[in-house]
Amino acid sequence: MISIGTLNNNTVDAMKQVYGYRKQKEIHVVVDAAEVGATKYRNEKIAELL
């Protein structure tokens, strides 16, 4: 599970690494999209991840 509760450049980079690993290993990931829609930054980052 990936929670986007606290977003900054470091956590976004880590999330992207997890996504890359899970895609390579064909592992499903659940995203807890906390407060998506609250800010433009959150919307942009979740769009990048998905």
Protein backbone atom coordinates (compact mmCIF):
# COMPACT_ATOMS: atom_id res chain seq x y z
CA MET A 1 0.00 0.00 0.00
CA ILE A 2 1.23 3.45 -0.86
CA SER A 3 -0.16 6.39 1.09
CA ILE A 4 0.25 9.85 -0.36
CA GLY A 5 -0.50 11.48 2.97
CA THR A 6 2.82 13.34 3.16
CA LEU A 7 4.09 14.48 -0.19
CA ASN A 8 7.44 16.03 -0.92
CA ASN A 9 10.12 15.39 -3.53
CA ASN A 10 11.72 12.57 -1.50
CA THR A 11 8.51 10.67 -0.85
CA VAL A 12 7.34 11.07 -4.45
CA ASP A 13 10.68 9.70 -5.69
CA ALA A 14 10.35 6.73 -3.32
CA MET A 15 6.79 6.07 -4.50
CA LYS A 16 7.96 6.09 -8.12
CA GLN A 17 10.64 3.54 -7.25
CA VAL A 18 8.03 1.29 -5.61
CA TYR A 19 5.83 1.59 -8.70
CA GLY A 20 8.71 0.66 -10.95
CA TYR A 21 9.57 -2.37 -8.82
CA ARG A 22 5.98 -3.57 -8.60
CA LYS A 23 5.53 -3.20 -12.35
CA GLN A 24 8.68 -5.21 -12.99
CA LYS A 25 7.52 -7.96 -10.61
CA GLU A 26 3.85 -7.71 -11.66
CA ILE A 27 2.73 -6.94 -8.10
CA HIS A 28 -0.50 -5.07 -7.46
CA VAL A 29 -0.33 -1.94 -5.31
CA VAL A 30 -3.10 -0.17 -3.43
CA VAL A 31 -2.88 3.62 -3.39
CA ASP A 32 -4.37 5.56 -0.49
CA ALA A 33 -4.99 8.81 -2.32
CA ALA A 34 -5.45 10.94 0.81
CA GLU A 35 -6.72 14.42 0.10
CA VAL A 36 -6.43 14.20 -3.66
CA GLY A 37 -8.07 17.29 -5.04
CA ALA A 38 -6.98 19.44 -2.11
CA THR A 39 -4.11 21.08 -3.98
CA LYS A 40 -2.73 21.33 -7.49
CA TYR A 41 0.53 19.71 -6.30
CA ARG A 42 -1.31 16.64 -4.97
CA ASN A 43 -3.28 16.30 -8.18
CA GLU A 44 -0.13 16.52 -10.30
CA LYS A 45 1.80 13.98 -8.22
CA ILE A 46 -0.98 11.38 -8.08
CA ALA A 47 -1.40 11.78 -11.85
CA GLU A 48 2.34 11.09 -12.27
CA LEU A 49 2.08 7.97 -10.14
CA LEU A 50 -0.95 6.57 -11.88
